[in-house]
């Protein structure tokens, strides 16, 4: 299972768990489908930032198996 730190692993349409900005302290995960990738660098230690199809923005903490 990929952890979402490498941009090449994260693609639109994948189901992922993200941590929203407001949930960073608590670590609450939100599940959704990737709509857009917002991080431009090839990797990010806290996870690639994405916009989900419902409009929420967070960092990918895990990519769920399809």
N, C-alpha and C. Protein backbone atom coordinates (compact mmCIF):
# COMPACT_ATOMS: atom_id res chain seq x y z
N UNK A 1 0.85 -1.19 0.00
CA UNK A 1 0.00 0.00 0.00
C UNK A 1 0.89 1.25 0.00
N UNK A 2 0.66 2.13 -0.96
CA UNK A 2 1.48 3.34 -1.08
C UNK A 2 1.04 4.37 -0.04
N UNK A 3 2.01 5.20 0.38
CA UNK A 3 1.71 6.15 1.46
C UNK A 3 1.41 7.56 0.96
N UNK A 4 1.44 7.79 -0.36
CA UNK A 4 1.03 9.08 -0.89
C UNK A 4 2.07 10.17 -0.85
N UNK A 5 3.35 9.81 -0.64
CA UNK A 5 4.40 10.83 -0.60
C UNK A 5 5.03 11.06 -1.97
N UNK A 6 4.80 10.16 -2.92
CA UNK A 6 5.40 10.26 -4.25
C UNK A 6 4.31 10.64 -5.25
N UNK A 7 4.53 11.75 -5.95
CA UNK A 7 3.50 12.32 -6.83
C UNK A 7 3.09 11.34 -7.93
N UNK A 8 4.06 10.58 -8.45
CA UNK A 8 3.77 9.65 -9.55
C UNK A 8 2.78 8.56 -9.14
N UNK A 9 2.69 8.28 -7.82
CA UNK A 9 1.77 7.24 -7.34
C UNK A 9 0.33 7.74 -7.22
N UNK A 10 0.15 9.06 -7.19
CA UNK A 10 -1.17 9.64 -6.95
C UNK A 10 -1.75 10.14 -8.27
N UNK A 11 -2.92 9.61 -8.65
CA UNK A 11 -3.52 9.98 -9.93
C UNK A 11 -5.01 10.29 -9.73
N UNK A 12 -5.54 11.20 -10.55
CA UNK A 12 -6.99 11.48 -10.47
C UNK A 12 -7.79 10.19 -10.64
N UNK A 13 -8.85 10.06 -9.85
CA UNK A 13 -9.71 8.89 -9.91
C UNK A 13 -9.39 7.84 -8.86
N UNK A 14 -8.22 7.94 -8.21
CA UNK A 14 -7.86 6.98 -7.16
C UNK A 14 -8.62 7.29 -5.88
N UNK A 15 -8.97 6.23 -5.14
CA UNK A 15 -9.55 6.41 -3.81
C UNK A 15 -8.42 6.48 -2.80
N UNK A 16 -8.43 7.54 -2.00
CA UNK A 16 -7.34 7.77 -1.05
C UNK A 16 -7.90 8.20 0.30
N UNK A 17 -7.05 8.07 1.32
CA UNK A 17 -7.31 8.71 2.61
C UNK A 17 -6.44 9.95 2.66
N UNK A 18 -7.05 11.07 3.06
CA UNK A 18 -6.29 12.31 3.22
C UNK A 18 -6.48 12.83 4.63
N UNK A 19 -5.54 13.68 5.04
CA UNK A 19 -5.69 14.41 6.29
C UNK A 19 -5.91 15.87 5.91
N UNK A 20 -7.07 16.39 6.28
CA UNK A 20 -7.41 17.78 5.98
C UNK A 20 -6.62 18.70 6.91
N UNK A 21 -6.44 19.96 6.49
CA UNK A 21 -5.69 20.94 7.29
C UNK A 21 -6.26 21.00 8.72
N UNK A 22 -7.58 21.06 8.84
CA UNK A 22 -8.21 21.19 10.15
C UNK A 22 -8.03 19.95 11.02
N UNK A 23 -7.67 18.81 10.40
CA UNK A 23 -7.52 17.55 11.13
C UNK A 23 -6.06 17.17 11.38
N UNK A 24 -5.11 18.07 11.04
CA UNK A 24 -3.70 17.71 11.17
C UNK A 24 -3.32 17.36 12.61
N UNK A 25 -3.86 18.08 13.58
CA UNK A 25 -3.52 17.79 14.98
C UNK A 25 -4.11 16.47 15.44
N UNK A 26 -5.36 16.21 15.06
CA UNK A 26 -6.04 15.00 15.53
C UNK A 26 -5.69 13.77 14.68
N UNK A 27 -5.27 13.98 13.43
CA UNK A 27 -4.94 12.87 12.55
C UNK A 27 -6.15 12.15 11.97
N UNK A 28 -7.32 12.79 12.03
CA UNK A 28 -8.53 12.18 11.48
C UNK A 28 -8.40 12.08 9.96
N UNK A 29 -8.70 10.89 9.42
CA UNK A 29 -8.57 10.67 7.97
C UNK A 29 -9.92 10.84 7.29
N UNK A 30 -9.88 11.38 6.08
CA UNK A 30 -11.07 11.55 5.26
C UNK A 30 -10.84 10.75 3.97
N UNK A 31 -11.81 9.93 3.59
CA UNK A 31 -11.69 9.13 2.38
C UNK A 31 -12.39 9.83 1.23
N UNK A 32 -11.75 9.80 0.06
CA UNK A 32 -12.37 10.42 -1.11
C UNK A 32 -11.65 10.03 -2.38
N UNK A 33 -12.17 10.56 -3.49
CA UNK A 33 -11.61 10.29 -4.82
C UNK A 33 -10.82 11.52 -5.26
N UNK A 34 -9.58 11.31 -5.73
CA UNK A 34 -8.72 12.42 -6.17
C UNK A 34 -9.30 13.07 -7.41
N UNK A 35 -9.42 14.41 -7.37
CA UNK A 35 -9.83 15.18 -8.55
C UNK A 35 -8.62 15.88 -9.18
N UNK A 36 -7.86 16.61 -8.36
CA UNK A 36 -6.70 17.37 -8.86
C UNK A 36 -5.52 17.16 -7.92
N UNK A 37 -4.30 17.16 -8.49
CA UNK A 37 -3.08 17.17 -7.69
C UNK A 37 -2.63 18.61 -7.53
N UNK A 38 -2.37 19.03 -6.29
CA UNK A 38 -2.00 20.42 -6.02
C UNK A 38 -0.52 20.59 -5.71
N UNK A 39 0.18 19.49 -5.40
CA UNK A 39 1.63 19.55 -5.15
C UNK A 39 2.36 19.36 -6.47
N UNK A 40 3.31 20.25 -6.77
CA UNK A 40 4.06 20.15 -8.02
C UNK A 40 5.35 19.35 -7.89
N UNK A 41 5.93 19.30 -6.68
CA UNK A 41 7.21 18.60 -6.52
C UNK A 41 6.99 17.09 -6.64
N UNK A 42 8.03 16.35 -7.06
CA UNK A 42 7.87 14.90 -7.28
C UNK A 42 7.58 14.11 -6.01
N UNK A 43 7.98 14.64 -4.84
CA UNK A 43 7.66 13.97 -3.58
C UNK A 43 7.49 15.00 -2.48
N UNK A 44 6.77 14.63 -1.44
CA UNK A 44 6.56 15.53 -0.30
C UNK A 44 6.48 14.68 0.96
N UNK A 45 7.26 15.04 2.01
CA UNK A 45 7.32 14.19 3.20
C UNK A 45 6.00 14.07 3.96
N UNK A 46 5.10 15.04 3.82
CA UNK A 46 3.81 14.97 4.53
C UNK A 46 2.69 14.45 3.64
N UNK A 47 3.01 14.09 2.41
CA UNK A 47 2.00 13.58 1.48
C UNK A 47 1.68 14.61 0.41
N UNK A 48 1.30 14.11 -0.75
CA UNK A 48 0.94 14.98 -1.88
C UNK A 48 -0.40 15.65 -1.59
N UNK A 49 -0.45 16.96 -1.78
CA UNK A 49 -1.70 17.69 -1.54
C UNK A 49 -2.62 17.52 -2.74
N UNK A 50 -3.87 17.16 -2.48
CA UNK A 50 -4.85 16.92 -3.54
C UNK A 50 -6.17 17.60 -3.21
N UNK A 51 -6.97 17.82 -4.27
CA UNK A 51 -8.36 18.23 -4.10
C UNK A 51 -9.21 17.01 -4.42
N UNK A 52 -10.13 16.69 -3.51
CA UNK A 52 -11.03 15.56 -3.72
C UNK A 52 -12.20 15.99 -4.59
N UNK A 53 -12.94 15.03 -5.11
CA UNK A 53 -14.08 15.34 -5.98
C UNK A 53 -15.15 16.16 -5.26
N UNK A 54 -15.22 16.05 -3.93
CA UNK A 54 -16.20 16.85 -3.18
C UNK A 54 -15.68 18.24 -2.84
N UNK A 55 -14.45 18.57 -3.30
CA UNK A 55 -13.92 19.92 -3.11
C UNK A 55 -12.99 20.09 -1.92
N UNK A 56 -12.91 19.09 -1.05
CA UNK A 56 -12.03 19.19 0.12
C UNK A 56 -10.58 19.03 -0.31
N UNK A 57 -9.67 19.74 0.40
CA UNK A 57 -8.25 19.69 0.09
C UNK A 57 -7.50 19.10 1.29
N UNK A 58 -6.62 18.15 1.01
CA UNK A 58 -5.83 17.56 2.07
C UNK A 58 -4.62 16.86 1.51
N UNK A 59 -3.78 16.33 2.42
CA UNK A 59 -2.59 15.61 2.00
C UNK A 59 -2.84 14.11 2.08
N UNK A 60 -2.45 13.41 1.02
CA UNK A 60 -2.67 11.96 0.94
C UNK A 60 -1.82 11.26 2.00
N UNK A 61 -2.46 10.46 2.86
CA UNK A 61 -1.72 9.67 3.84
C UNK A 61 -1.68 8.20 3.43
N UNK A 62 -2.66 7.76 2.63
CA UNK A 62 -2.57 6.42 2.07
C UNK A 62 -3.44 6.31 0.83
N UNK A 63 -2.96 5.47 -0.11
CA UNK A 63 -3.71 5.17 -1.33
C UNK A 63 -4.40 3.85 -1.09
N UNK A 64 -5.72 3.83 -1.26
CA UNK A 64 -6.49 2.62 -0.95
C UNK A 64 -6.45 1.66 -2.15
N UNK A 65 -6.42 0.36 -1.88
CA UNK A 65 -6.42 -0.61 -3.00
C UNK A 65 -7.74 -0.53 -3.77
N UNK A 66 -7.65 -0.56 -5.08
CA UNK A 66 -8.86 -0.40 -5.90
C UNK A 66 -9.65 -1.70 -6.00
